[in-house]
Amino acid sequence: MLHEKKPKDLLEERVFTLSNFLSVSRVLLLPFFIQFTRKHIESPRNSEYLFLAIGTCILAVLTDFLDGFLARLLGQESVLGKYLDPICDKFVTIGGLSVIVHYYQFPLWILLIYILRETLGVWLGGFLYLKRGIQGKPNWWGKIGVGLVAAAVLWYMTLPLIGPTLPENHFFHHPEYSGYVLVLVLSIGVVAYSKRYWNIVFHPEKFILDPEDKKQKKKYELV
């Protein structure tokens, strides 16, 4: 049965866990990434800051993998953690895309579409929890989208290192292609989420959550 929840209910479980710390640390890496990138742009001949920016980006990707892995390994999975991880992802991915928009001419319109999609995702997640008492589970399109953002940022960041060694017409000189693929994946993800949650949001009286239904368990669960 669908029921409302309160924000304070998120804090009823363990808050200070290693997995939650890794999620938050990913956001704390963002200012360092921005600073290292800015320093490199100011002194492009000094590749030290570029390597530091790339290393920071890779470290953020690793924490994204490790927080979920360690939560399962250490038995630290919680409702808070399952919301904290994607929210931290949103901060970091929007920040990363903003950096390559500002410094590397990544298409601004793609960033705006991404921000809109992530804003809707936060609203949907909060609505499902607070108004329907359901924890939505991320689908593969969302995970692929986060991976594509990381790939796009790394592509732009490594272009100054690898680009000069390649022919002018080489595919690698067009990192904006990663943005076009990202838009496609985001569009498919929006359609997939709409099909999954439409009745829950707009017609809850038509939705029946069966705890014994294995297919439903893969999509959402009562909290």
N, C-alpha and C. Protein backbone atom coordinates (compact mmCIF):
# COMPACT_ATOMS: atom_id res chain seq x y z
N MET A 1 0.85 -1.20 0.00
CA MET A 1 0.00 0.00 0.00
C MET A 1 0.88 1.25 0.00
N LEU A 2 0.56 2.23 -0.86
CA LEU A 2 1.34 3.45 -0.95
C LEU A 2 1.02 4.37 0.21
N HIS A 3 2.07 5.00 0.79
CA HIS A 3 1.85 5.90 1.91
C HIS A 3 2.93 6.96 1.92
N GLU A 4 2.64 8.10 2.55
CA GLU A 4 3.58 9.21 2.58
C GLU A 4 4.68 8.96 3.62
N LYS A 5 5.83 9.62 3.39
CA LYS A 5 6.94 9.56 4.34
C LYS A 5 7.36 10.99 4.66
N LYS A 6 8.15 11.14 5.73
CA LYS A 6 8.69 12.44 6.11
C LYS A 6 10.20 12.44 5.89
N PRO A 7 10.79 13.62 5.57
CA PRO A 7 12.24 13.68 5.35
C PRO A 7 13.06 13.11 6.50
N LYS A 8 12.59 13.31 7.75
CA LYS A 8 13.36 12.83 8.90
C LYS A 8 13.47 11.31 8.94
N ASP A 9 12.55 10.62 8.21
CA ASP A 9 12.60 9.16 8.20
C ASP A 9 13.88 8.65 7.53
N LEU A 10 14.47 9.47 6.66
CA LEU A 10 15.72 9.08 6.01
C LEU A 10 16.85 8.91 7.02
N LEU A 11 16.74 9.61 8.15
CA LEU A 11 17.84 9.62 9.13
C LEU A 11 17.67 8.57 10.21
N GLU A 12 16.67 7.72 10.06
CA GLU A 12 16.44 6.70 11.07
C GLU A 12 17.48 5.58 10.99
N GLU A 13 18.11 5.41 9.82
CA GLU A 13 19.14 4.39 9.67
C GLU A 13 20.52 5.00 9.88
N ARG A 14 21.55 4.21 9.73
CA ARG A 14 22.92 4.70 9.90
C ARG A 14 23.24 5.75 8.86
N VAL A 15 23.79 6.88 9.34
CA VAL A 15 24.12 7.98 8.45
C VAL A 15 25.61 7.99 8.14
N PHE A 16 26.44 7.83 9.18
CA PHE A 16 27.89 7.94 9.02
C PHE A 16 28.49 6.57 8.67
N THR A 17 28.44 6.26 7.39
CA THR A 17 29.00 5.01 6.90
C THR A 17 30.10 5.31 5.88
N LEU A 18 30.95 4.35 5.62
CA LEU A 18 32.03 4.53 4.67
C LEU A 18 31.48 4.83 3.28
N SER A 19 30.44 4.13 2.88
CA SER A 19 29.87 4.34 1.55
C SER A 19 29.29 5.75 1.42
N ASN A 20 28.62 6.25 2.47
CA ASN A 20 28.09 7.61 2.42
C ASN A 20 29.22 8.63 2.38
N PHE A 21 30.30 8.34 3.12
CA PHE A 21 31.46 9.24 3.10
C PHE A 21 32.05 9.32 1.69
N LEU A 22 32.14 8.19 1.01
CA LEU A 22 32.68 8.19 -0.35
C LEU A 22 31.78 8.98 -1.29
N SER A 23 30.47 8.86 -1.11
CA SER A 23 29.55 9.62 -1.95
C SER A 23 29.77 11.12 -1.78
N VAL A 24 29.87 11.56 -0.52
CA VAL A 24 30.07 12.99 -0.25
C VAL A 24 31.45 13.44 -0.70
N SER A 25 32.46 12.58 -0.55
CA SER A 25 33.81 12.95 -0.95
C SER A 25 33.89 13.24 -2.45
N ARG A 26 33.03 12.60 -3.22
CA ARG A 26 32.99 12.84 -4.66
C ARG A 26 32.64 14.30 -4.95
N VAL A 27 31.71 14.84 -4.18
CA VAL A 27 31.34 16.25 -4.34
C VAL A 27 32.48 17.15 -3.88
N LEU A 28 33.17 16.76 -2.81
CA LEU A 28 34.26 17.58 -2.28
C LEU A 28 35.46 17.64 -3.23
N LEU A 29 35.55 16.67 -4.14
CA LEU A 29 36.62 16.69 -5.14
C LEU A 29 36.38 17.72 -6.24
N LEU A 30 35.12 18.12 -6.40
CA LEU A 30 34.77 19.01 -7.51
C LEU A 30 35.52 20.35 -7.49
N PRO A 31 35.62 21.04 -6.33
CA PRO A 31 36.38 22.30 -6.33
C PRO A 31 37.83 22.12 -6.75
N PHE A 32 38.45 21.01 -6.37
CA PHE A 32 39.83 20.75 -6.77
C PHE A 32 39.92 20.56 -8.29
N PHE A 33 38.96 19.84 -8.84
CA PHE A 33 38.93 19.63 -10.29
C PHE A 33 38.81 20.96 -11.03
N ILE A 34 37.92 21.82 -10.53
CA ILE A 34 37.73 23.14 -11.16
C ILE A 34 39.01 23.96 -11.07
N GLN A 35 39.64 23.96 -9.90
CA GLN A 35 40.85 24.75 -9.70
C GLN A 35 41.99 24.25 -10.57
N PHE A 36 42.19 22.94 -10.62
CA PHE A 36 43.27 22.38 -11.44
C PHE A 36 43.05 22.70 -12.92
N THR A 37 41.81 22.60 -13.37
CA THR A 37 41.51 22.91 -14.77
C THR A 37 41.78 24.37 -15.08
N ARG A 38 41.34 25.25 -14.19
CA ARG A 38 41.57 26.68 -14.39
C ARG A 38 43.06 27.00 -14.45
N LYS A 39 43.83 26.40 -13.56
CA LYS A 39 45.27 26.62 -13.55
C LYS A 39 45.91 26.15 -14.86
N HIS A 40 45.42 25.02 -15.38
CA HIS A 40 45.98 24.53 -16.65
C HIS A 40 45.65 25.47 -17.80
N ILE A 41 44.42 25.98 -17.84
CA ILE A 41 44.03 26.89 -18.91
C ILE A 41 44.87 28.17 -18.86
N GLU A 42 45.18 28.62 -17.64
CA GLU A 42 46.00 29.82 -17.48
C GLU A 42 47.45 29.57 -17.90
N SER A 43 47.92 28.34 -17.70
CA SER A 43 49.31 28.00 -18.07
C SER A 43 49.30 26.68 -18.85
N PRO A 44 48.85 26.70 -20.10
CA PRO A 44 48.68 25.45 -20.86
C PRO A 44 49.98 24.67 -21.08
N ARG A 45 51.11 25.36 -21.02
CA ARG A 45 52.37 24.64 -21.22
C ARG A 45 52.74 23.81 -19.99
N ASN A 46 52.17 24.14 -18.87
CA ASN A 46 52.42 23.39 -17.64
C ASN A 46 51.39 22.27 -17.55
N SER A 47 51.78 21.07 -17.91
CA SER A 47 50.83 19.95 -17.96
C SER A 47 50.56 19.35 -16.58
N GLU A 48 51.27 19.82 -15.55
CA GLU A 48 51.08 19.27 -14.22
C GLU A 48 49.64 19.41 -13.76
N TYR A 49 49.06 20.60 -13.96
CA TYR A 49 47.69 20.82 -13.52
C TYR A 49 46.69 20.02 -14.34
N LEU A 50 47.01 19.80 -15.59
CA LEU A 50 46.13 18.98 -16.43
C LEU A 50 46.10 17.54 -15.91
N PHE A 51 47.26 17.00 -15.57
CA PHE A 51 47.32 15.65 -15.02
C PHE A 51 46.58 15.57 -13.67
N LEU A 52 46.70 16.63 -12.87
CA LEU A 52 46.00 16.65 -11.59
C LEU A 52 44.48 16.68 -11.80
N ALA A 53 44.03 17.44 -12.80
CA ALA A 53 42.59 17.50 -13.09
C ALA A 53 42.08 16.15 -13.58
N ILE A 54 42.85 15.52 -14.46
CA ILE A 54 42.45 14.20 -14.97
C ILE A 54 42.44 13.18 -13.82
N GLY A 55 43.46 13.23 -12.96
CA GLY A 55 43.53 12.31 -11.83
C GLY A 55 42.36 12.51 -10.87
N THR A 56 41.97 13.76 -10.65
CA THR A 56 40.82 14.04 -9.78
C THR A 56 39.54 13.48 -10.37
N CYS A 57 39.39 13.61 -11.69
CA CYS A 57 38.22 13.07 -12.38
C CYS A 57 38.16 11.55 -12.25
N ILE A 58 39.29 10.90 -12.45
CA ILE A 58 39.34 9.44 -12.34
C ILE A 58 39.04 9.00 -10.91
N LEU A 59 39.56 9.75 -9.94
CA LEU A 59 39.29 9.43 -8.53
C LEU A 59 37.80 9.53 -8.22
N ALA A 60 37.14 10.53 -8.78
CA ALA A 60 35.69 10.67 -8.57
C ALA A 60 34.94 9.48 -9.16
N VAL A 61 35.38 9.02 -10.32
CA VAL A 61 34.76 7.85 -10.95
C VAL A 61 34.93 6.62 -10.07
N LEU A 62 36.13 6.47 -9.48
CA LEU A 62 36.39 5.32 -8.61
C LEU A 62 35.51 5.35 -7.36
N THR A 63 35.33 6.54 -6.78
CA THR A 63 34.48 6.61 -5.59
C THR A 63 33.03 6.27 -5.94
N ASP A 64 32.62 6.61 -7.16
CA ASP A 64 31.26 6.28 -7.60
C ASP A 64 31.07 4.77 -7.65
N PHE A 65 32.10 4.06 -8.06
CA PHE A 65 32.03 2.60 -8.10
C PHE A 65 32.12 2.01 -6.70
N LEU A 66 33.04 2.55 -5.90
CA LEU A 66 33.32 1.95 -4.59
C LEU A 66 32.20 2.16 -3.58
N ASP A 67 31.49 3.30 -3.63
CA ASP A 67 30.49 3.52 -2.58
C ASP A 67 29.39 2.47 -2.61
N GLY A 68 28.89 2.16 -3.80
CA GLY A 68 27.86 1.12 -3.89
C GLY A 68 28.41 -0.26 -3.59
N PHE A 69 29.63 -0.53 -4.08
CA PHE A 69 30.25 -1.84 -3.87
C PHE A 69 30.49 -2.09 -2.39
N LEU A 70 31.04 -1.08 -1.69
CA LEU A 70 31.34 -1.25 -0.26
C LEU A 70 30.07 -1.29 0.58
N ALA A 71 29.04 -0.56 0.14
CA ALA A 71 27.77 -0.60 0.88
C ALA A 71 27.22 -2.02 0.90
N ARG A 72 27.30 -2.69 -0.25
CA ARG A 72 26.81 -4.08 -0.31
C ARG A 72 27.75 -5.02 0.43
N LEU A 73 29.05 -4.81 0.28
CA LEU A 73 30.04 -5.69 0.90
C LEU A 73 30.00 -5.61 2.42
N LEU A 74 29.83 -4.40 2.95
CA LEU A 74 29.87 -4.18 4.40
C LEU A 74 28.48 -4.17 5.04
N GLY A 75 27.47 -4.43 4.24
CA GLY A 75 26.12 -4.43 4.78
C GLY A 75 25.67 -3.06 5.24
N GLN A 76 26.09 -2.01 4.52
CA GLN A 76 25.77 -0.64 4.92
C GLN A 76 24.73 0.00 4.00
N GLU A 77 24.00 -0.81 3.25
CA GLU A 77 22.97 -0.26 2.36
C GLU A 77 21.86 0.37 3.20
N SER A 78 21.41 1.53 2.79
CA SER A 78 20.34 2.23 3.49
C SER A 78 19.55 3.06 2.51
N VAL A 79 18.35 3.47 2.92
CA VAL A 79 17.53 4.33 2.06
C VAL A 79 18.26 5.65 1.82
N LEU A 80 18.85 6.22 2.88
CA LEU A 80 19.59 7.47 2.74
C LEU A 80 20.72 7.32 1.72
N GLY A 81 21.49 6.24 1.84
CA GLY A 81 22.61 6.02 0.94
C GLY A 81 22.17 5.88 -0.51
N LYS A 82 21.02 5.24 -0.71
CA LYS A 82 20.53 5.03 -2.07
C LYS A 82 20.03 6.33 -2.70
N TYR A 83 19.69 7.31 -1.87
CA TYR A 83 19.34 8.63 -2.40
C TYR A 83 20.57 9.52 -2.48
N LEU A 84 21.48 9.38 -1.51
CA LEU A 84 22.66 10.24 -1.45
C LEU A 84 23.57 10.01 -2.65
N ASP A 85 23.75 8.76 -3.04
CA ASP A 85 24.65 8.43 -4.15
C ASP A 85 24.23 9.13 -5.44
N PRO A 86 22.99 8.99 -5.92
CA PRO A 86 22.62 9.67 -7.16
C PRO A 86 22.60 11.19 -7.05
N ILE A 87 22.27 11.72 -5.85
CA ILE A 87 22.29 13.18 -5.69
C ILE A 87 23.71 13.71 -5.82
N CYS A 88 24.67 13.02 -5.20
CA CYS A 88 26.07 13.41 -5.34
C CYS A 88 26.52 13.29 -6.79
N ASP A 89 26.05 12.25 -7.46
CA ASP A 89 26.35 12.10 -8.89
C ASP A 89 25.88 13.31 -9.68
N LYS A 90 24.70 13.81 -9.34
CA LYS A 90 24.14 14.95 -10.07
C LYS A 90 25.01 16.19 -9.88
N PHE A 91 25.43 16.45 -8.65
CA PHE A 91 26.30 17.60 -8.40
C PHE A 91 27.59 17.48 -9.20
N VAL A 92 28.20 16.31 -9.16
CA VAL A 92 29.50 16.12 -9.79
C VAL A 92 29.40 16.16 -11.31
N THR A 93 28.40 15.49 -11.87
CA THR A 93 28.28 15.47 -13.33
C THR A 93 27.93 16.84 -13.89
N ILE A 94 27.03 17.55 -13.22
CA ILE A 94 26.71 18.91 -13.68
C ILE A 94 27.93 19.81 -13.56
N GLY A 95 28.67 19.66 -12.46
CA GLY A 95 29.89 20.44 -12.29
C GLY A 95 30.92 20.12 -13.36
N GLY A 96 31.11 18.83 -13.64
CA GLY A 96 32.08 18.43 -14.66
C GLY A 96 31.71 18.94 -16.04
N LEU A 97 30.44 18.82 -16.40
CA LEU A 97 30.01 19.32 -17.71
C LEU A 97 30.12 20.84 -17.79
N SER A 98 29.85 21.52 -16.68
CA SER A 98 29.97 22.98 -16.66
C SER A 98 31.41 23.41 -16.91
N VAL A 99 32.36 22.66 -16.37
CA VAL A 99 33.77 22.97 -16.58
C VAL A 99 34.15 22.85 -18.05
N ILE A 100 33.72 21.78 -18.70
CA ILE A 100 34.12 21.63 -20.12
C ILE A 100 33.31 22.54 -21.03
N VAL A 101 32.14 22.98 -20.58
CA VAL A 101 31.42 24.02 -21.33
C VAL A 101 32.21 25.33 -21.27
N HIS A 102 32.66 25.66 -20.08
CA HIS A 102 33.34 26.95 -19.87
C HIS A 102 34.73 26.98 -20.50
N TYR A 103 35.46 25.90 -20.37
CA TYR A 103 36.86 25.92 -20.80
C TYR A 103 37.13 25.22 -22.13
N TYR A 104 36.24 24.30 -22.53
CA TYR A 104 36.54 23.48 -23.71
C TYR A 104 35.44 23.47 -24.76
N GLN A 105 34.50 24.40 -24.69
CA GLN A 105 33.46 24.57 -25.71
C GLN A 105 32.54 23.35 -25.89
N PHE A 106 32.31 22.62 -24.83
CA PHE A 106 31.27 21.59 -24.88
C PHE A 106 29.95 22.30 -25.10
N PRO A 107 29.04 21.74 -25.94
CA PRO A 107 27.79 22.44 -26.27
C PRO A 107 26.95 22.79 -25.03
N LEU A 108 26.67 24.07 -24.88
CA LEU A 108 25.90 24.54 -23.73
C LEU A 108 24.50 23.95 -23.70
N TRP A 109 23.89 23.78 -24.87
CA TRP A 109 22.51 23.29 -24.91
C TRP A 109 22.41 21.87 -24.35
N ILE A 110 23.47 21.09 -24.50
CA ILE A 110 23.47 19.74 -23.94
C ILE A 110 23.51 19.80 -22.42
N LEU A 111 24.33 20.71 -21.89
CA LEU A 111 24.38 20.90 -20.43
C LEU A 111 23.01 21.30 -19.89
N LEU A 112 22.31 22.20 -20.58
CA LEU A 112 21.01 22.66 -20.11
C LEU A 112 19.99 21.51 -20.12
N ILE A 113 20.04 20.68 -21.15
CA ILE A 113 19.16 19.51 -21.19
C ILE A 113 19.48 18.57 -20.04
N TYR A 114 20.77 18.40 -19.78
CA TYR A 114 21.18 17.50 -18.69
C TYR A 114 20.70 18.03 -17.34
N ILE A 115 20.83 19.34 -17.12
CA ILE A 115 20.38 19.93 -15.85
C ILE A 115 18.88 19.75 -15.69
N LEU A 116 18.13 19.97 -16.76
CA LEU A 116 16.68 19.80 -16.71
C LEU A 116 16.32 18.36 -16.36
N ARG A 117 16.99 17.43 -17.00
CA ARG A 117 16.70 16.01 -16.74
C ARG A 117 17.03 15.65 -15.30
N GLU A 118 18.16 16.13 -14.77
CA GLU A 118 18.56 15.80 -13.41
C GLU A 118 17.64 16.47 -12.39
N THR A 119 17.18 17.68 -12.69
CA THR A 119 16.24 18.37 -11.81
C THR A 119 14.94 17.58 -11.71
N LEU A 120 14.45 17.11 -12.85
CA LEU A 120 13.24 16.28 -12.85
C LEU A 120 13.47 14.98 -12.08
N GLY A 121 14.68 14.43 -12.19
CA GLY A 121 15.00 13.20 -11.46
C GLY A 121 14.96 13.39 -9.96
N VAL A 122 15.48 14.54 -9.48
CA VAL A 122 15.45 14.83 -8.05
C VAL A 122 14.01 15.00 -7.59
N TRP A 123 13.21 15.71 -8.38
CA TRP A 123 11.80 15.91 -8.02
C TRP A 123 11.07 14.57 -7.96
N LEU A 124 11.31 13.73 -8.97
CA LEU A 124 10.62 12.44 -9.00
C LEU A 124 11.01 11.58 -7.82
N GLY A 125 12.32 11.51 -7.52
CA GLY A 125 12.78 10.70 -6.40
C GLY A 125 12.18 11.18 -5.08
N GLY A 126 12.16 12.51 -4.88
CA GLY A 126 11.58 13.05 -3.66
C GLY A 126 10.09 12.82 -3.58
N PHE A 127 9.41 12.96 -4.71
CA PHE A 127 7.95 12.76 -4.74
C PHE A 127 7.61 11.31 -4.42
N LEU A 128 8.34 10.37 -5.02
CA LEU A 128 8.05 8.97 -4.78
C LEU A 128 8.24 8.62 -3.30
N TYR A 129 9.29 9.17 -2.70
CA TYR A 129 9.56 8.85 -1.30
C TYR A 129 8.55 9.52 -0.37
N LEU A 130 8.35 10.83 -0.55
CA LEU A 130 7.53 11.59 0.39
C LEU A 130 6.04 11.36 0.20
N LYS A 131 5.59 11.22 -1.04
CA LYS A 131 4.16 11.14 -1.31
C LYS A 131 3.66 9.72 -1.58
N ARG A 132 4.54 8.83 -1.99
CA ARG A 132 4.11 7.47 -2.30
C ARG A 132 4.77 6.42 -1.43
N GLY A 133 5.79 6.83 -0.64
CA GLY A 133 6.46 5.87 0.22
C GLY A 133 7.18 4.77 -0.54
N ILE A 134 7.68 5.12 -1.74
CA ILE A 134 8.36 4.15 -2.59
C ILE A 134 9.77 4.64 -2.90
N GLN A 135 10.70 3.73 -2.87
CA GLN A 135 12.06 4.06 -3.29
C GLN A 135 12.25 3.56 -4.72
N GLY A 136 12.34 4.51 -5.63
CA GLY A 136 12.61 4.13 -7.02
C GLY A 136 14.04 3.67 -7.19
N LYS A 137 14.24 2.68 -8.01
CA LYS A 137 15.59 2.18 -8.24
C LYS A 137 16.08 2.67 -9.60
N PRO A 138 17.34 3.10 -9.70
CA PRO A 138 17.85 3.61 -10.97
C PRO A 138 17.89 2.51 -12.03
N ASN A 139 17.62 2.93 -13.26
CA ASN A 139 17.73 1.96 -14.35
C ASN A 139 19.08 2.12 -15.03
N TRP A 140 19.34 1.24 -15.98
CA TRP A 140 20.65 1.24 -16.63
C TRP A 140 20.90 2.49 -17.45
N TRP A 141 19.83 3.12 -17.95
CA TRP A 141 20.02 4.32 -18.77
C TRP A 141 20.62 5.45 -17.93
N GLY A 142 20.19 5.55 -16.67
CA GLY A 142 20.76 6.57 -15.80
C GLY A 142 22.23 6.31 -15.51
N LYS A 143 22.56 5.05 -15.26
CA LYS A 143 23.96 4.70 -14.99
C LYS A 143 24.84 4.92 -16.22
N ILE A 144 24.30 4.58 -17.39
CA ILE A 144 25.05 4.82 -18.63
C ILE A 144 25.26 6.31 -18.84
N GLY A 145 24.24 7.11 -18.49
CA GLY A 145 24.36 8.56 -18.63
C GLY A 145 25.49 9.12 -17.78
N VAL A 146 25.59 8.66 -16.53
CA VAL A 146 26.68 9.11 -15.66
C VAL A 146 28.04 8.70 -16.24
N GLY A 147 28.10 7.48 -16.76
CA GLY A 147 29.34 7.02 -17.38
C GLY A 147 29.72 7.84 -18.59
N LEU A 148 28.71 8.24 -19.38
CA LEU A 148 28.97 9.06 -20.57
C LEU A 148 29.48 10.45 -20.19
N VAL A 149 28.95 11.00 -19.11
CA VAL A 149 29.44 12.30 -18.65
C VAL A 149 30.91 12.19 -18.27
N ALA A 150 31.26 11.14 -17.53
CA ALA A 150 32.67 10.93 -17.15
C ALA A 150 33.53 10.77 -18.39
N ALA A 151 33.03 10.00 -19.37
CA ALA A 151 33.78 9.79 -20.61
C ALA A 151 33.96 11.10 -21.38
N ALA A 152 32.90 11.92 -21.42
CA ALA A 152 32.97 13.21 -22.13
C ALA A 152 34.01 14.13 -21.48
N VAL A 153 33.96 14.21 -20.15
CA VAL A 153 34.91 15.08 -19.44
C VAL A 153 36.34 14.60 -19.67
N LEU A 154 36.57 13.30 -19.53
CA LEU A 154 37.93 12.78 -19.74
C LEU A 154 38.37 12.94 -21.18
N TRP A 155 37.44 12.82 -22.13
CA TRP A 155 37.78 12.99 -23.55
C TRP A 155 38.28 14.41 -23.79
N TYR A 156 37.54 15.40 -23.29
CA TYR A 156 37.96 16.79 -23.47
C TYR A 156 39.27 17.07 -22.74
N MET A 157 39.44 16.49 -21.56
CA MET A 157 40.63 16.77 -20.77
C MET A 157 41.88 16.14 -21.38
N THR A 158 41.72 14.98 -22.00
CA THR A 158 42.89 14.30 -22.57
C THR A 158 43.19 14.74 -24.00
N LEU A 159 42.27 15.48 -24.61
CA LEU A 159 42.49 15.94 -25.99
C LEU A 159 43.79 16.74 -26.15
N PRO A 160 44.12 17.67 -25.22
CA PRO A 160 45.39 18.40 -25.37
C PRO A 160 46.62 17.49 -25.33
N LEU A 161 46.50 16.33 -24.69
CA LEU A 161 47.64 15.42 -24.60
C LEU A 161 47.74 14.52 -25.82
N ILE A 162 46.60 13.98 -26.25
CA ILE A 162 46.60 12.99 -27.32
C ILE A 162 46.36 13.61 -28.69
N GLY A 163 45.57 14.69 -28.74
CA GLY A 163 45.20 15.30 -30.01
C GLY A 163 46.36 15.65 -30.93
N PRO A 164 47.43 16.29 -30.41
CA PRO A 164 48.54 16.68 -31.28
C PRO A 164 49.25 15.50 -31.96
N THR A 165 49.08 14.30 -31.46
CA THR A 165 49.74 13.13 -32.04
C THR A 165 48.89 12.46 -33.13
N LEU A 166 47.67 12.96 -33.33
CA LEU A 166 46.74 12.34 -34.27
C LEU A 166 46.51 13.22 -35.49
N PRO A 167 46.11 12.63 -36.62
CA PRO A 167 45.77 13.44 -37.81
C PRO A 167 44.62 14.39 -37.53
N GLU A 168 44.54 15.50 -38.27
CA GLU A 168 43.52 16.51 -38.02
C GLU A 168 42.10 15.99 -38.19
N ASN A 169 41.91 15.03 -39.08
CA ASN A 169 40.57 14.52 -39.34
C ASN A 169 40.22 13.30 -38.49
N HIS A 170 41.03 13.04 -37.46
CA HIS A 170 40.78 11.88 -36.61
C HIS A 170 39.54 12.07 -35.76
N PHE A 171 38.84 10.98 -35.51
CA PHE A 171 37.61 10.99 -34.71
C PHE A 171 37.83 11.60 -33.33
N PHE A 172 39.01 11.42 -32.77
CA PHE A 172 39.29 11.87 -31.41
C PHE A 172 39.23 13.39 -31.28
N HIS A 173 39.33 14.11 -32.40
CA HIS A 173 39.27 15.57 -32.37
C HIS A 173 37.84 16.09 -32.25
N HIS A 174 36.89 15.20 -32.11
CA HIS A 174 35.48 15.61 -32.03
C HIS A 174 34.83 15.06 -30.75
N PRO A 175 35.28 15.52 -29.60
CA PRO A 175 34.71 15.01 -28.34
C PRO A 175 33.24 15.40 -28.15
N GLU A 176 32.76 16.37 -28.94
CA GLU A 176 31.35 16.75 -28.82
C GLU A 176 30.42 15.61 -29.18
N TYR A 177 30.93 14.61 -29.91
CA TYR A 177 30.09 13.44 -30.23
C TYR A 177 29.60 12.74 -28.96
N SER A 178 30.43 12.79 -27.92
CA SER A 178 30.02 12.17 -26.66
C SER A 178 28.77 12.85 -26.11
N GLY A 179 28.65 14.16 -26.35
CA GLY A 179 27.48 14.89 -25.90
C GLY A 179 26.23 14.48 -26.65
N TYR A 180 26.36 14.23 -27.95
CA TYR A 180 25.20 13.82 -28.74
C TYR A 180 24.70 12.44 -28.29
N VAL A 181 25.64 11.56 -28.01
CA VAL A 181 25.25 10.23 -27.50
C VAL A 181 24.58 10.37 -26.14
N LEU A 182 25.09 11.30 -25.33
CA LEU A 182 24.51 11.53 -24.00
C LEU A 182 23.06 11.97 -24.12
N VAL A 183 22.76 12.87 -25.04
CA VAL A 183 21.38 13.33 -25.24
C VAL A 183 20.48 12.17 -25.64
N LEU A 184 20.98 11.30 -26.51
CA LEU A 184 20.20 10.13 -26.94
C LEU A 184 19.89 9.24 -25.75
N VAL A 185 20.90 8.96 -24.94
CA VAL A 185 20.71 8.09 -23.76
C VAL A 185 19.75 8.73 -22.77
N LEU A 186 19.88 10.04 -22.55
CA LEU A 186 18.98 10.73 -21.63
C LEU A 186 17.54 10.65 -22.12
N SER A 187 17.34 10.79 -23.42
CA SER A 187 16.00 10.72 -23.99
C SER A 187 15.38 9.34 -23.78
N ILE A 188 16.16 8.31 -24.04
CA ILE A 188 15.67 6.95 -23.83
C ILE A 188 15.36 6.72 -22.35
N GLY A 189 16.21 7.25 -21.49
CA GLY A 189 16.01 7.11 -20.05
C GLY A 189 14.73 7.78 -19.58
N VAL A 190 14.42 8.97 -20.12
CA VAL A 190 13.20 9.67 -19.75
C VAL A 190 11.97 8.84 -20.14
N VAL A 191 12.01 8.25 -21.32
CA VAL A 191 10.90 7.40 -21.77
C VAL A 191 10.75 6.19 -20.85
N ALA A 192 11.89 5.57 -20.50
CA ALA A 192 11.85 4.39 -19.63
C ALA A 192 11.30 4.73 -18.25
N TYR A 193 11.75 5.86 -17.67
CA TYR A 193 11.25 6.27 -16.37
C TYR A 193 9.77 6.63 -16.42
N SER A 194 9.34 7.26 -17.51
CA SER A 194 7.93 7.63 -17.65
C SER A 194 7.05 6.40 -17.65
N LYS A 195 7.46 5.38 -18.38
CA LYS A 195 6.68 4.14 -18.43
C LYS A 195 6.62 3.47 -17.06
N ARG A 196 7.71 3.56 -16.31
CA ARG A 196 7.79 2.88 -15.02
C ARG A 196 6.98 3.58 -13.94
N TYR A 197 6.99 4.92 -13.93
CA TYR A 197 6.43 5.65 -12.79
C TYR A 197 5.16 6.45 -13.09
N TRP A 198 4.67 6.43 -14.32
CA TRP A 198 3.54 7.28 -14.69
C TRP A 198 2.32 7.02 -13.80
N ASN A 199 1.92 5.77 -13.67
CA ASN A 199 0.75 5.46 -12.87
C ASN A 199 0.97 5.73 -11.39
N ILE A 200 2.20 5.47 -10.91
CA ILE A 200 2.48 5.71 -9.49
C ILE A 200 2.32 7.19 -9.15
N VAL A 201 2.78 8.06 -10.06
CA VAL A 201 2.72 9.50 -9.80
C VAL A 201 1.32 10.06 -10.04
N PHE A 202 0.72 9.72 -11.17
CA PHE A 202 -0.52 10.37 -11.57
C PHE A 202 -1.79 9.54 -11.32
N HIS A 203 -1.63 8.23 -11.22
CA HIS A 203 -2.79 7.37 -10.99
C HIS A 203 -2.45 6.30 -9.94
N PRO A 204 -2.15 6.72 -8.70
CA PRO A 204 -1.75 5.75 -7.67
C PRO A 204 -2.83 4.71 -7.37
N GLU A 205 -4.08 5.07 -7.63
CA GLU A 205 -5.16 4.12 -7.36
C GLU A 205 -5.11 2.92 -8.30
N LYS A 206 -4.41 3.07 -9.43
CA LYS A 206 -4.30 1.98 -10.39
C LYS A 206 -3.08 1.10 -10.12
N PHE A 207 -2.23 1.54 -9.20
CA PHE A 207 -0.97 0.83 -8.97
C PHE A 207 -1.07 -0.04 -7.73
N ILE A 208 -0.71 -1.29 -7.88
CA ILE A 208 -0.69 -2.22 -6.75
C ILE A 208 0.72 -2.81 -6.65
N LEU A 209 1.35 -2.59 -5.49
CA LEU A 209 2.70 -3.11 -5.27
C LEU A 209 2.61 -4.46 -4.60
N ASP A 210 3.08 -5.47 -5.28
CA ASP A 210 3.04 -6.84 -4.78
C ASP A 210 4.43 -7.23 -4.26
N PRO A 211 4.62 -7.38 -2.95
CA PRO A 211 5.94 -7.72 -2.39
C PRO A 211 6.51 -9.03 -2.94
N GLU A 212 5.65 -9.88 -3.47
CA GLU A 212 6.11 -11.17 -3.99
C GLU A 212 6.47 -11.12 -5.46
N ASP A 213 6.20 -10.00 -6.09
CA ASP A 213 6.47 -9.85 -7.53
C ASP A 213 7.95 -9.51 -7.73
N LYS A 214 8.71 -10.45 -8.29
CA LYS A 214 10.16 -10.24 -8.45
C LYS A 214 10.47 -9.14 -9.44
N LYS A 215 9.64 -8.99 -10.47
CA LYS A 215 9.87 -7.93 -11.45
C LYS A 215 9.69 -6.56 -10.82
N GLN A 216 8.69 -6.44 -9.96
CA GLN A 216 8.48 -5.17 -9.28
C GLN A 216 9.62 -4.85 -8.33
N LYS A 217 10.16 -5.85 -7.66
CA LYS A 217 11.24 -5.62 -6.70
C LYS A 217 12.47 -5.02 -7.37
N LYS A 218 12.65 -5.33 -8.65
CA LYS A 218 13.80 -4.80 -9.38
C LYS A 218 13.61 -3.31 -9.71
N LYS A 219 12.36 -2.85 -9.64
CA LYS A 219 12.07 -1.48 -10.04
C LYS A 219 11.89 -0.54 -8.85
N TYR A 220 11.19 -1.02 -7.80
CA TYR A 220 10.91 -0.15 -6.66
C TYR A 220 10.53 -1.01 -5.46
N GLU A 221 10.57 -0.38 -4.29
CA GLU A 221 10.20 -1.08 -3.07
C GLU A 221 9.64 -0.07 -2.07
N LEU A 222 8.78 -0.55 -1.18
CA LEU A 222 8.24 0.30 -0.13
C LEU A 222 9.34 0.63 0.87
N VAL A 223 9.30 1.86 1.41
CA VAL A 223 10.30 2.28 2.40
C VAL A 223 9.59 2.78 3.65
